[in-house]
Amino acid sequence: MGHLCSKSVSDVNHDTGISGGSHTRSSHSGASPIAYGDMTSAVGIEDVRREVKILKALSGHKNLVQFHDAFEDANNIYMVMELCEGGELLERIVSRGGRYPEQESKTILVQILNVVAFFHLQGVVHRDLKPENFLFVKKDENTGLKVIDFGLSDFVKPGKNFWSLCMFLALFCSLNICI
């Protein structure tokens, strides 16, 4: 069973089935709102189109949230994705007082680096990697980690400079980038 993400339709393009509105994401059957930016502009609509295209293109890695389908009705775009019940990586870090044993940290980092290498080899850059965008599959301590939220992602294009387009929070930024 997957979870449901929806985007309210304000300017439906019936050829692509992608449009704007508010983004909701649920770890259960219900939905909770998540701010997703301006989905009424042409740029916002194109961002949603790109996200769905990227999610369709990426599949087959155990640490990548599985995308099942996207469809629309008169008011919403729905994205059906894998259900991840274990919460965010950031929540786990905070619940442990910010401390992780070295072996567990290694296990998490190996999963993160493997999935990042996978989508880089597929020609995709995420551009929003942070602890909130990694979910645990189950609440168990020794469960898999999944990368989510490809809203800022893009396909690598020859000659395109992604450096000027990088989005990050200083809290999760390495010092050489922040300076």
C-alpha atoms as a PDB file:
ATOM      1  CA  MET A   1       0.000   0.000   0.000  1.00  0.00           C
ATOM      2  CA  GLY A   2       1.299   3.463  -0.818  1.00  0.00           C
ATOM      3  CA  HIS A   3       0.656   6.870   0.616  1.00  0.00           C
ATOM      4  CA  LEU A   4      -1.084   9.659  -1.194  1.00  0.00           C
ATOM      5  CA  CYS A   5       0.263  13.065  -2.123  1.00  0.00           C
ATOM      6  CA  SER A   6      -2.072  15.596  -3.704  1.00  0.00           C
ATOM      7  CA  LYS A   7      -1.692  18.940  -5.445  1.00  0.00           C
ATOM      8  CA  SER A   8      -4.759  21.125  -5.905  1.00  0.00           C
ATOM      9  CA  VAL A   9      -5.429  22.006  -9.506  1.00  0.00           C
ATOM     10  CA  SER A  10      -5.532  25.686 -10.387  1.00  0.00           C
ATOM     11  CA  ASP A  11      -4.421  25.520 -14.008  1.00  0.00           C
ATOM     12  CA  VAL A  12      -4.835  21.959 -15.284  1.00  0.00           C
ATOM     13  CA  ASN A  13      -2.953  20.975 -18.393  1.00  0.00           C
ATOM     14  CA  HIS A  14      -4.976  17.985 -19.571  1.00  0.00           C
ATOM     15  CA  ASP A  15      -2.192  16.912 -21.960  1.00  0.00           C
ATOM     16  CA  THR A  16       0.284  16.363 -19.119  1.00  0.00           C
ATOM     17  CA  GLY A  17      -2.040  15.877 -16.147  1.00  0.00           C
ATOM     18  CA  ILE A  18       0.171  18.045 -13.958  1.00  0.00           C
ATOM     19  CA  SER A  19      -0.763  21.302 -12.291  1.00  0.00           C
ATOM     20  CA  GLY A  20      -0.464  23.516  -9.240  1.00  0.00           C
ATOM     21  CA  GLY A  21      -1.917  23.975  -5.766  1.00  0.00           C
ATOM     22  CA  SER A  22      -0.938  22.881  -2.287  1.00  0.00           C
ATOM     23  CA  HIS A  23       1.097  19.748  -1.676  1.00  0.00           C
ATOM     24  CA  THR A  24       0.065  17.293   0.982  1.00  0.00           C
ATOM     25  CA  ARG A  25       1.975  14.239   2.047  1.00  0.00           C
ATOM     26  CA  SER A  26       0.794  11.504   4.331  1.00  0.00           C
ATOM     27  CA  SER A  27       2.511   8.664   6.087  1.00  0.00           C
ATOM     28  CA  HIS A  28      -0.924   7.105   6.641  1.00  0.00           C
ATOM     29  CA  SER A  29      -4.232   7.132   4.784  1.00  0.00           C
ATOM     30  CA  GLY A  30      -4.968  10.754   5.787  1.00  0.00           C
ATOM     31  CA  ALA A  31      -3.086  13.757   4.446  1.00  0.00           C
ATOM     32  CA  SER A  32      -1.253  16.584   6.174  1.00  0.00           C
ATOM     33  CA  PRO A  33      -0.388  19.839   4.365  1.00  0.00           C
ATOM     34  CA  ILE A  34       3.191  20.626   3.407  1.00  0.00           C
ATOM     35  CA  ALA A  35       4.137  24.020   1.974  1.00  0.00           C
ATOM     36  CA  TYR A  36       5.207  23.459  -1.607  1.00  0.00           C
ATOM     37  CA  GLY A  37       5.675  26.965  -2.946  1.00  0.00           C
ATOM     38  CA  ASP A  38       3.753  28.881  -5.585  1.00  0.00           C
ATOM     39  CA  MET A  39       1.970  26.273  -7.681  1.00  0.00           C
ATOM     40  CA  THR A  40      -0.116  28.775  -9.645  1.00  0.00           C
ATOM     41  CA  SER A  41       2.748  30.225 -11.680  1.00  0.00           C
ATOM     42  CA  ALA A  42       4.141  28.745 -14.886  1.00  0.00           C
ATOM     43  CA  VAL A  43       7.422  28.064 -13.071  1.00  0.00           C
ATOM     44  CA  GLY A  44       5.615  26.272 -10.217  1.00  0.00           C
ATOM     45  CA  ILE A  45       3.630  24.134 -12.630  1.00  0.00           C
ATOM     46  CA  GLU A  46       6.802  23.244 -14.530  1.00  0.00           C
ATOM     47  CA  ASP A  47       8.443  22.248 -11.236  1.00  0.00           C
ATOM     48  CA  VAL A  48       5.624  19.758 -10.563  1.00  0.00           C
ATOM     49  CA  ARG A  49       5.891  18.382 -14.109  1.00  0.00           C
ATOM     50  CA  ARG A  50       9.626  17.902 -13.644  1.00  0.00           C
ATOM     51  CA  GLU A  51       9.187  16.204 -10.255  1.00  0.00           C
ATOM     52  CA  VAL A  52       6.707  13.667 -11.650  1.00  0.00           C
ATOM     53  CA  LYS A  53       8.959  13.034 -14.662  1.00  0.00           C
ATOM     54  CA  ILE A  54      11.962  12.444 -12.391  1.00  0.00           C
ATOM     55  CA  LEU A  55      10.017  10.138 -10.065  1.00  0.00           C
ATOM     56  CA  LYS A  56       8.858   8.121 -13.082  1.00  0.00           C
ATOM     57  CA  ALA A  57      12.419   7.916 -14.418  1.00  0.00           C
ATOM     58  CA  LEU A  58      13.980   6.789 -11.146  1.00  0.00           C
ATOM     59  CA  SER A  59      13.153   3.324  -9.896  1.00  0.00           C
ATOM     60  CA  GLY A  60      14.798   0.160  -8.746  1.00  0.00           C
ATOM     61  CA  HIS A  61      16.873   1.301  -5.778  1.00  0.00           C
ATOM     62  CA  LYS A  62      16.070   0.048  -2.292  1.00  0.00           C
ATOM     63  CA  ASN A  63      16.793   3.471  -0.721  1.00  0.00           C
ATOM     64  CA  LEU A  64      14.603   5.500  -3.098  1.00  0.00           C
ATOM     65  CA  VAL A  65      10.925   5.973  -2.239  1.00  0.00           C
ATOM     66  CA  GLN A  66       8.902   3.997  -4.744  1.00  0.00           C
ATOM     67  CA  PHE A  67       6.680   6.084  -7.019  1.00  0.00           C
ATOM     68  CA  HIS A  68       3.581   4.170  -8.103  1.00  0.00           C
ATOM     69  CA  ASP A  69       1.543   6.610 -10.192  1.00  0.00           C
ATOM     70  CA  ALA A  70       0.218  10.132 -10.656  1.00  0.00           C
ATOM     71  CA  PHE A  71      -3.332  11.007 -11.667  1.00  0.00           C
ATOM     72  CA  GLU A  72      -5.738  13.908 -11.421  1.00  0.00           C
ATOM     73  CA  ASP A  73      -9.360  14.806 -10.845  1.00  0.00           C
ATOM     74  CA  ALA A  74     -11.062  18.172 -11.280  1.00  0.00           C
ATOM     75  CA  ASN A  75      -9.298  19.710  -8.272  1.00  0.00           C
ATOM     76  CA  ASN A  76      -6.178  17.706  -7.456  1.00  0.00           C
ATOM     77  CA  ILE A  77      -3.147  15.887  -8.734  1.00  0.00           C
ATOM     78  CA  TYR A  78      -2.446  12.707  -6.778  1.00  0.00           C
ATOM     79  CA  MET A  79       0.917  11.001  -6.456  1.00  0.00           C
ATOM     80  CA  VAL A  80       0.793   7.492  -5.014  1.00  0.00           C
ATOM     81  CA  MET A  81       4.051   6.555  -3.359  1.00  0.00           C
ATOM     82  CA  GLU A  82       5.487   3.951  -1.026  1.00  0.00           C
ATOM     83  CA  LEU A  83       4.356   4.141   2.590  1.00  0.00           C
ATOM     84  CA  CYS A  84       7.234   4.917   4.996  1.00  0.00           C
ATOM     85  CA  GLU A  85       6.095   4.638   8.613  1.00  0.00           C
ATOM     86  CA  GLY A  86       9.376   5.105  10.476  1.00  0.00           C
ATOM     87  CA  GLY A  87       9.632   8.902  10.476  1.00  0.00           C
ATOM     88  CA  GLU A  88      12.339  11.279   9.348  1.00  0.00           C
ATOM     89  CA  LEU A  89      16.052  10.824   9.875  1.00  0.00           C
ATOM     90  CA  LEU A  90      16.100  14.195  11.641  1.00  0.00           C
ATOM     91  CA  GLU A  91      13.478  12.986  14.146  1.00  0.00           C
ATOM     92  CA  ARG A  92      15.651   9.961  14.969  1.00  0.00           C
ATOM     93  CA  ILE A  93      18.740  12.105  15.405  1.00  0.00           C
ATOM     94  CA  VAL A  94      16.918  14.520  17.723  1.00  0.00           C
ATOM     95  CA  SER A  95      15.276  11.698  19.713  1.00  0.00           C
ATOM     96  CA  ARG A  96      18.768  10.388  20.503  1.00  0.00           C
ATOM     97  CA  GLY A  97      20.030  13.745  21.658  1.00  0.00           C
ATOM     98  CA  GLY A  98      21.987  14.231  18.449  1.00  0.00           C
ATOM     99  CA  ARG A  99      24.193  11.192  19.109  1.00  0.00           C
ATOM    100  CA  TYR A 100      24.473   8.075  16.984  1.00  0.00           C
ATOM    101  CA  PRO A 101      26.903   5.217  17.546  1.00  0.00           C
ATOM    102  CA  GLU A 102      29.562   5.019  14.848  1.00  0.00           C
ATOM    103  CA  GLN A 103      28.345   1.705  13.390  1.00  0.00           C
ATOM    104  CA  GLU A 104      24.744   2.946  13.047  1.00  0.00           C
ATOM    105  CA  SER A 105      25.970   6.230  11.532  1.00  0.00           C
ATOM    106  CA  LYS A 106      28.023   4.232   9.039  1.00  0.00           C
ATOM    107  CA  THR A 107      24.969   2.155   8.056  1.00  0.00           C
ATOM    108  CA  ILE A 108      22.910   5.299   7.463  1.00  0.00           C
ATOM    109  CA  LEU A 109      25.653   7.077   5.513  1.00  0.00           C
ATOM    110  CA  VAL A 110      26.248   4.054   3.283  1.00  0.00           C
ATOM    111  CA  GLN A 111      22.529   4.005   2.393  1.00  0.00           C
ATOM    112  CA  ILE A 112      22.533   7.742   1.660  1.00  0.00           C
ATOM    113  CA  LEU A 113      25.686   7.636  -0.457  1.00  0.00           C
ATOM    114  CA  ASN A 114      24.467   4.582  -2.394  1.00  0.00           C
ATOM    115  CA  VAL A 115      21.149   6.189  -3.356  1.00  0.00           C
ATOM    116  CA  VAL A 116      22.795   9.529  -4.225  1.00  0.00           C
ATOM    117  CA  ALA A 117      25.271   7.724  -6.482  1.00  0.00           C
ATOM    118  CA  PHE A 118      22.330   5.864  -8.076  1.00  0.00           C
ATOM    119  CA  PHE A 119      20.369   8.938  -9.073  1.00  0.00           C
ATOM    120  CA  HIS A 120      23.530  10.765 -10.148  1.00  0.00           C
ATOM    121  CA  LEU A 121      24.275   7.843 -12.482  1.00  0.00           C
ATOM    122  CA  GLN A 122      20.712   8.248 -13.815  1.00  0.00           C
ATOM    123  CA  GLY A 123      21.482  11.907 -14.579  1.00  0.00           C
ATOM    124  CA  VAL A 124      19.446  13.404 -11.713  1.00  0.00           C
ATOM    125  CA  VAL A 125      20.572  15.885  -9.051  1.00  0.00           C
ATOM    126  CA  HIS A 126      18.386  16.125  -5.921  1.00  0.00           C
ATOM    127  CA  ARG A 127      19.450  19.622  -4.698  1.00  0.00           C
ATOM    128  CA  ASP A 128      17.617  19.296  -1.365  1.00  0.00           C
ATOM    129  CA  LEU A 129      19.373  16.534   0.571  1.00  0.00           C
ATOM    130  CA  LYS A 130      18.808  17.037   4.286  1.00  0.00           C
ATOM    131  CA  PRO A 131      17.777  14.806   7.202  1.00  0.00           C
ATOM    132  CA  GLU A 132      14.083  15.686   6.745  1.00  0.00           C
ATOM    133  CA  ASN A 133      14.149  14.224   3.232  1.00  0.00           C
ATOM    134  CA  PHE A 134      15.117  10.738   4.383  1.00  0.00           C
ATOM    135  CA  LEU A 135      12.407   8.513   5.844  1.00  0.00           C
ATOM    136  CA  PHE A 136      12.742   5.189   7.625  1.00  0.00           C
ATOM    137  CA  VAL A 137      10.576   2.403   6.202  1.00  0.00           C
ATOM    138  CA  LYS A 138       9.500   1.138   9.645  1.00  0.00           C
ATOM    139  CA  LYS A 139       9.766   2.332  13.237  1.00  0.00           C
ATOM    140  CA  ASP A 140      12.249  -0.448  14.022  1.00  0.00           C
ATOM    141  CA  GLU A 141      15.817   0.647  14.743  1.00  0.00           C
ATOM    142  CA  ASN A 142      17.362  -1.492  11.983  1.00  0.00           C
ATOM    143  CA  THR A 143      15.181  -0.533   9.051  1.00  0.00           C
ATOM    144  CA  GLY A 144      15.903   0.848   5.604  1.00  0.00           C
ATOM    145  CA  LEU A 145      16.135   4.535   4.778  1.00  0.00           C
ATOM    146  CA  LYS A 146      14.413   6.136   1.731  1.00  0.00           C
ATOM    147  CA  VAL A 147      15.142   9.463   0.036  1.00  0.00           C
ATOM    148  CA  ILE A 148      12.032  11.568  -0.715  1.00  0.00           C
ATOM    149  CA  ASP A 149      11.028  15.007  -2.053  1.00  0.00           C
ATOM    150  CA  PHE A 150      12.335  15.519  -5.562  1.00  0.00           C
ATOM    151  CA  GLY A 151      10.640  18.922  -5.880  1.00  0.00           C
ATOM    152  CA  LEU A 152      13.936  20.793  -6.403  1.00  0.00           C
ATOM    153  CA  SER A 153      15.538  18.013  -8.455  1.00  0.00           C
ATOM    154  CA  ASP A 154      16.496  18.268 -12.088  1.00  0.00           C
ATOM    155  CA  PHE A 155      18.064  16.274 -14.874  1.00  0.00           C
ATOM    156  CA  VAL A 156      21.714  17.056 -15.539  1.00  0.00           C
ATOM    157  CA  LYS A 157      22.128  18.856 -18.842  1.00  0.00           C
ATOM    158  CA  PRO A 158      25.523  19.356 -20.531  1.00  0.00           C
ATOM    159  CA  GLY A 159      26.770  22.878 -19.928  1.00  0.00           C
ATOM    160  CA  LYS A 160      24.123  23.704 -17.305  1.00  0.00           C
ATOM    161  CA  ASN A 161      25.543  25.210 -14.125  1.00  0.00           C
ATOM    162  CA  PHE A 162      23.653  23.834 -11.134  1.00  0.00           C
ATOM    163  CA  TRP A 163      25.892  25.642  -8.674  1.00  0.00           C
ATOM    164  CA  SER A 164      23.941  28.887  -9.004  1.00  0.00           C
ATOM    165  CA  LEU A 165      20.658  27.002  -8.541  1.00  0.00           C
ATOM    166  CA  CYS A 166      21.600  25.107  -5.370  1.00  0.00           C
ATOM    167  CA  MET A 167      19.072  25.317  -2.576  1.00  0.00           C
ATOM    168  CA  PHE A 168      20.269  24.651   0.942  1.00  0.00           C
ATOM    169  CA  LEU A 169      19.812  25.541   4.557  1.00  0.00           C
ATOM    170  CA  ALA A 170      22.974  26.812   6.245  1.00  0.00           C
ATOM    171  CA  LEU A 171      22.299  24.363   9.095  1.00  0.00           C
ATOM    172  CA  PHE A 172      23.055  21.429   6.755  1.00  0.00           C
ATOM    173  CA  CYS A 173      25.673  23.111   4.576  1.00  0.00           C
ATOM    174  CA  SER A 174      29.377  22.332   4.654  1.00  0.00           C
ATOM    175  CA  LEU A 175      31.605  25.231   5.701  1.00  0.00           C
ATOM    176  CA  ASN A 176      33.363  25.541   2.335  1.00  0.00           C
ATOM    177  CA  ILE A 177      29.988  26.161   0.645  1.00  0.00           C
ATOM    178  CA  CYS A 178      28.600  28.566   3.271  1.00  0.00           C
ATOM    179  CA  ILE A 179      31.665  30.834   3.249  1.00  0.00           C
END
